[in-house]
Amino acid sequence: MTGVSLVNQGVLQPYFQPILSLDHFRVIGYEALGRKVTPLGEESLGPYFANPDIHDGDKRVVDRALRRQALAKLSSFEGDCKLFLNVKPSWIYDYRNRPDEIPTLRFLEELGVDGSRIVLELTEDQFDGELSLLHEVLSVYRSKGCQIAIDDMGIGFSNFDRVAFLEPEYMKIDLHFVRNSRHFASYRSLLQAFSSVAEHIGSSLLLEGIETEDDVELALAHGARYLQGFYFSRAKPDFFDAGEFVTSLSALSKRYYSAQSQALNAAFDVGLDIVNVVARVRGLLRLRTSTDRDDLDGFVRWLTARMSSVCCRAYICAADGTQLSYNYARTDSGMWEVSKYRKGCNWAWRPYFLESIAAMNRSQQGILSKLYRDIDSLKAIRTFSCPLHDDHYLFVDLDVDQLAR
């Protein structure tokens, strides 16, 4: 069936799935999704657009018909919300030499829709054109107020050089992709990395595929600003009241943040216990020179015997990053074992190290690191560090999962 005949049947209809903001827990926009609606029910057009046997021209006809309907719906809606429109970069690219003919911008003008209410979601597995020319076409959209989202971060079109070049306002990650991976723990770390990338390029992280409370908590834990998924609602033919989910989402967020605050307080309490022990024995330590290594190893060994069960690694470093003691690491059985090969390694290359040293020198107090995943054990870790004497600093890794218990 051709795209024109499908349009003429009058069965095409845009549906809208809400996107919520964690700033104020309200609906801030909708992703427009194509449906074929008949007396037998509704049918997603996702398989239609993904079918390689259907001519690209037919897909464009159907897409534009749906897009115009969605924009017409938006133009008659009095609420303040954005509309996220899926579009292939190759389709946009075709207008690089004729930007005045871009269909979406013509629809905006015809319907009186402000471009600032539109977000283009770039979705495609392959794009072989020149990125600089695509950027120029996107600049035409942006000149009208439109924003850009990169869909399916981490796969297909959304590789990092393109993300950095296009500077999208939104980076979108599908939790289905993360949840179904056999390496789920590692992908949790990647979520944190995507959050960091988004922060550094001035983009906002949007997590879709939210289906459970656990998914919401995962989003809260990894810096997502916007949420979308069946947990809130499937796509429907009408818009929602913007405040429909405020009560439930704000309550869930408060519970999560309360639990995280308790875990952080527990981590600080562990750190304070370590500081108190160090303070009691500091006079017994012979830390006068950086070559007095035996005393440092003995001290760390003595200290581990007095540490909480959440402490899983301890060592001493100099201000220049050189590790002065052995690694003392807790095994699964709860016993401590010594790893000698780390002594002499330099950790100044780690992004947080020199910043931590400067913070400790300024405050002369212990500090707690951000959450990260340990390279060796893959455990979720926070590191407590505190100054000992002169340029010696104690570092103690805390098992975050145990802190939460």
Protein backbone atom coordinates (compact mmCIF):
# COMPACT_ATOMS: atom_id res chain seq x y z
CA MET A 1 0.00 0.00 0.00
CA THR A 2 1.40 3.39 -0.98
CA GLY A 3 1.79 6.20 1.48
CA VAL A 4 -0.78 8.32 -0.37
CA SER A 5 -3.42 5.57 -0.23
CA LEU A 6 -2.75 5.06 3.48
CA VAL A 7 -3.21 8.78 4.09
CA ASN A 8 -6.39 8.87 2.00
CA GLN A 9 -7.94 6.08 4.07
CA GLY A 10 -8.15 8.50 6.98
CA VAL A 11 -6.79 5.94 9.43
CA LEU A 12 -3.61 7.79 10.44
CA GLN A 13 -3.57 9.50 13.82
CA PRO A 14 -0.82 10.87 16.02
CA TYR A 15 -0.72 9.65 19.62
CA PHE A 16 1.13 11.45 22.38
CA GLN A 17 3.25 10.02 25.20
CA PRO A 18 3.95 12.47 28.03
CA ILE A 19 7.44 13.58 29.03
CA LEU A 20 7.84 14.69 32.66
CA SER A 21 10.32 17.05 34.23
CA LEU A 22 12.01 16.27 37.55
CA ASP A 23 12.37 20.02 38.12
CA HIS A 24 8.71 20.34 39.12
CA PHE A 25 7.25 16.86 38.35
CA ARG A 26 4.95 18.20 35.63
CA VAL A 27 4.36 17.18 32.01
CA ILE A 28 6.56 19.45 29.88
CA GLY A 29 5.98 17.83 26.50
CA TYR A 30 4.94 14.85 24.41
CA GLU A 31 6.56 12.56 21.90
CA ALA A 32 4.32 12.27 18.83
CA LEU A 33 3.96 8.62 17.74
CA GLY A 34 2.16 7.36 14.64
CA ARG A 35 -0.86 5.05 14.89
CA LYS A 36 -3.17 3.39 12.39
CA VAL A 37 -6.65 3.50 13.94
CA THR A 38 -9.44 1.27 12.60
CA PRO A 39 -12.64 -0.21 14.07
CA LEU A 40 -10.48 -3.19 15.04
CA GLY A 41 -8.25 -1.02 17.24
CA GLU A 42 -5.03 0.94 17.08
CA GLU A 43 -1.79 -0.25 15.52
CA SER A 44 1.67 1.23 15.96
CA LEU A 45 3.31 2.47 12.77
CA GLY A 46 6.77 1.70 14.14
CA PRO A 47 7.02 -1.52 12.10
CA TYR A 48 5.85 0.37 9.00
CA PHE A 49 8.69 2.91 9.25
CA ALA A 50 11.22 0.18 10.10
CA ASN A 51 10.23 -2.05 7.16
CA PRO A 52 13.06 -1.94 4.55
CA ASP A 53 10.69 -3.18 1.82
CA ILE A 54 8.55 -0.03 2.00
CA HIS A 55 9.76 2.74 -0.26
CA ASP A 56 11.30 5.71 1.56
CA GLY A 57 9.06 8.10 -0.36
CA ASP A 58 5.93 6.39 0.99
CA LYS A 59 7.28 6.64 4.52
CA ARG A 60 7.84 10.37 4.07
CA VAL A 61 4.28 10.91 2.87
CA VAL A 62 2.89 9.11 5.93
CA ASP A 63 5.31 10.86 8.29
CA ARG A 64 4.42 14.33 7.04
CA ALA A 65 0.71 13.65 7.29
CA LEU A 66 1.11 12.53 10.89
CA ARG A 67 3.40 15.42 11.70
CA ARG A 68 0.99 18.00 10.37
CA GLN A 69 -1.84 16.46 12.39
CA ALA A 70 0.30 16.52 15.52
CA LEU A 71 1.23 20.17 14.98
CA ALA A 72 -2.42 21.06 14.36
CA LYS A 73 -3.27 19.41 17.68
CA LEU A 74 -0.54 21.41 19.39
CA SER A 75 -1.70 24.68 17.81
CA SER A 76 -5.16 24.27 19.35
CA PHE A 77 -3.85 23.32 22.80
CA GLU A 78 -3.75 26.18 25.28
CA GLY A 79 -1.27 24.55 27.64
CA ASP A 80 2.45 25.30 27.58
CA CYS A 81 4.21 22.17 26.33
CA LYS A 82 6.74 20.97 23.78
CA LEU A 83 6.22 18.47 20.98
CA PHE A 84 8.99 15.95 20.24
CA LEU A 85 8.95 14.93 16.56
CA ASN A 86 10.94 11.93 15.29
CA VAL A 87 12.84 12.62 12.08
CA LYS A 88 15.61 10.89 10.19
CA PRO A 89 18.77 12.98 9.70
CA SER A 90 18.88 11.86 6.06
CA TRP A 91 15.44 13.39 5.47
CA ILE A 92 16.57 16.70 6.91
CA TYR A 93 19.82 16.48 4.96
CA ASP A 94 17.94 16.35 1.67
CA TYR A 95 16.93 19.99 2.23
CA ARG A 96 20.49 21.27 2.65
CA ASN A 97 20.27 23.17 -0.66
CA ARG A 98 16.63 24.23 -0.32
CA PRO A 99 15.98 25.14 3.33
CA ASP A 100 12.99 27.31 2.38
CA GLU A 101 11.12 24.12 1.45
CA ILE A 102 11.52 22.29 4.77
CA PRO A 103 8.04 20.79 5.40
CA THR A 104 8.02 21.07 9.20
CA LEU A 105 8.89 24.77 9.13
CA ARG A 106 6.16 25.39 6.55
CA PHE A 107 3.69 23.60 8.83
CA LEU A 108 4.74 25.77 11.77
CA GLU A 109 4.11 28.92 9.78
CA GLU A 110 0.79 27.72 8.40
CA LEU A 111 -0.53 26.64 11.80
CA GLY A 112 0.92 29.52 13.81
CA VAL A 113 3.01 27.27 16.08
CA ASP A 114 6.01 28.86 17.79
CA GLY A 115 9.19 26.96 16.91
CA SER A 116 10.30 27.06 20.55
CA ARG A 117 7.64 24.42 21.26
CA ILE A 118 9.26 21.90 18.87
CA VAL A 119 12.03 19.38 19.58
CA LEU A 120 13.39 17.34 16.65
CA GLU A 121 14.41 13.81 17.69
CA LEU A 122 17.13 12.62 15.34
CA THR A 123 16.68 8.86 14.91
CA GLU A 124 18.51 6.72 12.40
CA ASP A 125 20.90 3.78 12.34
CA GLN A 126 22.88 5.07 9.37
CA PHE A 127 23.79 8.54 8.13
CA ASP A 128 26.42 8.89 5.42
CA GLY A 129 26.15 12.59 4.63
CA GLU A 130 28.45 15.42 5.63
CA LEU A 131 27.91 16.34 9.25
CA SER A 132 28.77 20.00 8.66
CA LEU A 133 25.99 20.33 6.08
CA LEU A 134 23.51 18.59 8.39
CA HIS A 135 24.53 21.09 11.08
CA GLU A 136 23.74 23.94 8.68
CA VAL A 137 20.23 22.59 8.03
CA LEU A 138 19.65 22.12 11.75
CA SER A 139 20.74 25.72 12.24
CA VAL A 140 17.77 26.76 10.08
CA TYR A 141 15.44 24.91 12.46
CA ARG A 142 17.20 26.47 15.44
CA SER A 143 16.83 29.95 13.94
CA LYS A 144 13.08 29.38 14.23
CA GLY A 145 13.42 28.40 17.90
CA CYS A 146 13.39 24.59 17.49
CA GLN A 147 15.56 22.40 19.70
CA ILE A 148 17.39 19.15 18.93
CA ALA A 149 17.35 15.78 20.70
CA ILE A 150 19.60 12.81 19.92
CA ASP A 151 17.59 9.61 20.32
CA ASP A 152 18.92 6.18 21.40
CA MET A 153 22.17 7.47 22.85
CA GLY A 154 25.02 4.99 22.51
CA ILE A 155 23.84 3.27 19.32
CA GLY A 156 23.48 4.07 15.64
CA PHE A 157 23.48 7.73 14.63
CA SER A 158 24.19 8.95 18.14
CA ASN A 159 27.93 8.29 18.37
CA PHE A 160 29.91 10.74 20.44
CA ASP A 161 31.58 12.78 17.70
CA ARG A 162 28.18 13.59 16.22
CA VAL A 163 26.73 14.44 19.61
CA ALA A 164 29.62 16.80 20.35
CA PHE A 165 29.31 18.42 16.92
CA LEU A 166 25.54 18.85 16.90
CA GLU A 167 25.30 19.98 20.56
CA PRO A 168 21.75 18.73 21.17
CA GLU A 169 19.59 20.27 23.87
CA TYR A 170 18.44 16.75 24.86
CA MET A 171 20.19 13.37 24.99
CA LYS A 172 17.71 10.50 25.04
CA ILE A 173 18.43 6.99 26.38
CA ASP A 174 16.05 4.04 26.20
CA LEU A 175 16.10 2.00 29.40
CA HIS A 176 14.92 -1.06 27.47
CA PHE A 177 18.36 -1.13 25.87
CA VAL A 178 20.03 -0.90 29.29
CA ARG A 179 17.68 -3.28 31.10
CA ASN A 180 18.02 -6.07 28.55
CA SER A 181 21.79 -6.06 28.57
CA ARG A 182 23.65 -8.94 30.19
CA HIS A 183 26.05 -6.34 31.57
CA PHE A 184 23.45 -4.28 33.41
CA ALA A 185 25.85 -3.11 36.14
CA SER A 186 28.23 -1.69 33.56
CA TYR A 187 25.41 0.07 31.73
CA ARG A 188 24.39 1.73 34.99
CA SER A 189 27.86 3.24 34.97
CA LEU A 190 27.38 4.31 31.37
CA LEU A 191 24.20 6.12 32.39
CA GLN A 192 26.29 8.11 34.84
CA ALA A 193 28.79 8.80 32.05
CA PHE A 194 26.03 9.99 29.71
CA SER A 195 24.79 12.25 32.48
CA SER A 196 28.27 13.73 32.82
CA VAL A 197 28.55 14.22 29.04
CA ALA A 198 25.15 15.93 28.98
CA GLU A 199 26.19 18.25 31.79
CA HIS A 200 29.45 19.19 30.09
CA ILE A 201 27.91 20.02 26.69
CA GLY A 202 24.89 21.83 28.15
CA SER A 203 22.39 19.11 27.29
CA SER A 204 19.63 17.51 29.39
CA LEU A 205 19.33 13.75 29.89
CA LEU A 206 15.94 12.23 29.02
CA LEU A 207 15.31 8.59 29.99
CA GLU A 208 12.53 6.76 28.17
CA GLY A 209 11.27 3.25 28.80
CA ILE A 210 10.40 4.05 32.44
CA GLU A 211 8.09 1.21 33.51
CA THR A 212 8.54 0.74 37.27
CA GLU A 213 9.40 2.62 40.44
CA ASP A 214 12.86 1.04 40.23
CA ASP A 215 13.29 2.65 36.81
CA VAL A 216 12.35 6.04 38.25
CA GLU A 217 14.91 5.56 41.03
CA LEU A 218 17.51 4.55 38.43
CA ALA A 219 16.82 7.79 36.60
CA LEU A 220 17.05 9.82 39.81
CA ALA A 221 20.36 8.14 40.65
CA HIS A 222 21.94 8.92 37.31
CA GLY A 223 21.17 12.55 36.71
CA ALA A 224 18.17 12.32 34.37
CA ARG A 225 16.19 15.53 34.13
CA TYR A 226 13.26 14.20 32.09
CA LEU A 227 11.33 10.89 32.18
CA GLN A 228 9.06 9.08 29.73
CA GLY A 229 7.46 5.65 29.77
CA PHE A 230 4.55 3.32 30.51
CA TYR A 231 4.97 3.91 34.26
CA PHE A 232 3.26 7.23 33.65
CA SER A 233 1.19 6.48 30.56
CA ARG A 234 1.12 4.84 27.17
CA ALA A 235 0.73 7.10 24.17
CA LYS A 236 -2.84 8.44 23.88
CA PRO A 237 -4.69 10.55 21.30
CA ASP A 238 -5.09 13.52 23.68
CA PHE A 239 -2.87 15.67 25.88
CA PHE A 240 -2.86 15.39 29.69
CA ASP A 241 -3.30 17.84 32.49
CA ALA A 242 0.29 19.01 33.10
CA GLY A 243 -0.02 18.37 36.83
CA GLU A 244 -1.52 14.88 36.62
CA PHE A 245 1.58 13.09 37.95
CA VAL A 246 2.88 15.72 40.40
CA THR A 247 1.66 14.00 43.56
CA SER A 248 2.89 10.51 42.76
CA LEU A 249 6.24 11.50 41.23
CA SER A 250 7.11 14.04 43.90
CA ALA A 251 6.30 11.52 46.66
CA LEU A 252 8.48 8.84 45.02
CA SER A 253 11.31 11.34 44.56
CA LYS A 254 11.13 12.46 48.19
CA ARG A 255 11.34 8.83 49.38
CA TYR A 256 14.32 8.19 47.16
CA TYR A 257 16.18 11.35 48.15
CA SER A 258 15.46 10.66 51.82
CA ALA A 259 16.99 7.18 51.51
CA GLN A 260 20.00 8.60 49.67
CA SER A 261 20.47 11.26 52.33
CA GLN A 262 20.48 8.57 55.00
CA ALA A 263 23.10 6.60 53.05
CA LEU A 264 25.26 9.70 52.65
CA ASN A 265 24.97 10.49 56.35
CA ALA A 266 25.97 6.91 57.11
CA ALA A 267 29.02 7.32 54.87
CA PHE A 268 30.01 10.52 56.64
CA ASP A 269 29.54 8.79 60.00
CA VAL A 270 31.92 6.03 58.89
CA GLY A 271 34.39 8.68 57.77
CA LEU A 272 34.08 10.50 61.07
CA ASP A 273 34.81 7.29 62.95
CA ILE A 274 37.95 6.85 60.87
CA VAL A 275 39.02 10.45 61.54
CA ASN A 276 38.49 9.98 65.29
CA VAL A 277 40.63 6.83 65.32
CA VAL A 278 43.33 8.58 63.30
CA ALA A 279 43.26 11.56 65.67
CA ARG A 280 43.74 9.30 68.71
CA VAL A 281 46.81 7.59 67.30
CA ARG A 282 48.33 10.39 65.23
CA GLY A 283 50.91 11.08 67.90
CA LEU A 284 52.09 7.48 67.67
CA LEU A 285 52.64 7.65 63.91
CA ARG A 286 56.09 8.32 62.59
CA LEU A 287 55.10 10.11 59.40
CA ARG A 288 58.04 12.46 59.25
CA THR A 289 59.37 11.40 55.84
CA SER A 290 57.86 9.92 52.73
CA THR A 291 60.41 7.09 52.88
CA ASP A 292 59.17 5.82 56.23
CA ARG A 293 57.00 3.20 54.44
CA ASP A 294 56.93 0.39 56.98
CA ASP A 295 55.14 2.53 59.54
CA LEU A 296 52.52 3.49 56.95
CA ASP A 297 51.76 -0.14 56.12
CA GLY A 298 51.57 -1.01 59.78
CA PHE A 299 49.27 1.88 60.45
CA VAL A 300 46.86 0.96 57.62
CA ARG A 301 46.87 -2.66 58.81
CA TRP A 302 46.15 -1.54 62.38
CA LEU A 303 43.40 0.82 61.17
CA THR A 304 41.57 -1.78 59.05
CA ALA A 305 41.04 -3.92 62.16
CA ARG A 306 38.98 -1.03 63.58
CA MET A 307 36.99 -0.16 60.47
CA SER A 308 33.28 -0.63 59.81
CA SER A 309 32.21 -3.50 57.59
CA VAL A 310 31.28 -1.03 54.84
CA CYS A 311 34.96 -0.19 54.35
CA CYS A 312 36.39 -2.33 51.58
CA ARG A 313 39.81 -0.82 50.75
CA ALA A 314 42.36 1.44 52.43
CA TYR A 315 45.70 2.97 51.44
CA ILE A 316 47.84 6.09 51.89
CA CYS A 317 49.02 8.46 49.15
CA ALA A 318 51.26 11.49 48.94
CA ALA A 319 50.01 14.84 47.65
CA ASP A 320 51.65 14.22 44.26
CA GLY A 321 49.55 11.07 43.75
CA THR A 322 52.16 8.46 44.69
CA GLN A 323 50.74 5.56 46.71
CA LEU A 324 52.92 5.15 49.79
CA SER A 325 51.33 2.08 51.35
CA TYR A 326 50.13 -1.31 50.27
CA ASN A 327 46.49 -1.76 49.31
CA TYR A 328 44.45 -3.37 52.07
CA ALA A 329 41.27 -4.84 50.56
CA ARG A 330 38.42 -6.71 52.24
CA THR A 331 37.58 -10.09 50.72
CA ASP A 332 34.08 -11.54 50.32
CA SER A 333 34.63 -13.46 53.55
CA GLY A 334 35.21 -10.20 55.41
CA MET A 335 38.95 -10.73 55.92
CA TRP A 336 41.57 -8.17 54.86
CA GLU A 337 44.24 -9.07 52.33
CA VAL A 338 47.34 -7.13 51.30
CA SER A 339 48.09 -6.19 47.69
CA LYS A 340 51.69 -5.02 47.37
CA TYR A 341 51.85 -4.18 43.68
CA ARG A 342 49.91 -0.92 44.04
CA LYS A 343 52.62 0.68 46.19
CA GLY A 344 54.49 3.26 44.12
CA CYS A 345 51.65 3.74 41.61
CA ASN A 346 50.69 7.32 40.86
CA TRP A 347 46.98 8.27 40.86
CA ALA A 348 47.28 11.97 39.98
CA TRP A 349 45.92 11.16 36.50
CA ARG A 350 42.52 10.42 37.98
CA PRO A 351 40.27 13.49 37.48
CA TYR A 352 39.19 13.71 41.11
CA PHE A 353 42.57 13.18 42.80
CA LEU A 354 44.22 16.63 42.77
CA GLU A 355 40.84 18.27 43.39
CA SER A 356 40.42 16.10 46.50
CA ILE A 357 43.90 16.95 47.75
CA ALA A 358 43.23 20.68 47.31
CA ALA A 359 39.89 20.37 49.14
CA MET A 360 41.49 18.53 52.07
CA ASN A 361 44.33 21.05 52.31
CA ARG A 362 41.88 23.91 52.38
CA SER A 363 39.50 22.43 54.95
CA GLN A 364 41.84 20.10 56.87
CA GLN A 365 38.86 17.77 57.05
CA GLY A 366 37.80 14.51 55.47
CA ILE A 367 35.79 14.55 52.24
CA LEU A 368 33.50 12.08 50.47
CA SER A 369 33.76 11.44 46.72
CA LYS A 370 30.99 11.16 44.17
CA LEU A 371 29.57 7.74 43.44
CA TYR A 372 31.58 5.69 40.94
CA ARG A 373 32.11 2.06 39.93
CA ASP A 374 35.38 0.41 40.95
CA ILE A 375 37.46 -0.86 38.03
CA ASP A 376 38.54 -4.05 39.77
CA SER A 377 35.47 -5.18 41.72
CA LEU A 378 32.76 -3.30 39.73
CA LYS A 379 31.22 -2.35 43.08
CA ALA A 380 29.48 0.98 43.52
CA ILE A 381 31.94 2.98 45.62
CA ARG A 382 32.37 6.26 47.44
CA THR A 383 35.85 7.11 48.68
CA PHE A 384 36.38 8.84 52.01
CA SER A 385 39.71 10.63 52.25
CA CYS A 386 41.32 12.63 55.04
CA PRO A 387 44.66 14.34 55.70
CA LEU A 388 47.05 12.54 58.06
CA HIS A 389 50.25 14.52 58.43
CA ASP A 390 52.32 16.75 56.15
CA ASP A 391 51.56 15.51 52.62
CA HIS A 392 50.14 12.11 53.59
CA TYR A 393 46.47 11.32 52.92
CA LEU A 394 44.36 8.32 53.85
CA PHE A 395 41.89 6.95 51.30
CA VAL A 396 39.16 4.49 52.32
CA ASP A 397 36.68 3.01 49.81
CA LEU A 398 33.13 2.47 51.07
CA ASP A 399 30.76 -0.14 49.65
CA VAL A 400 27.66 1.87 48.69
CA ASP A 401 25.37 -1.17 48.59
CA GLN A 402 26.20 -1.91 52.23
CA LEU A 403 25.67 1.70 53.20
CA ALA A 404 22.12 1.49 51.86
CA ARG A 405 21.24 -1.52 54.01
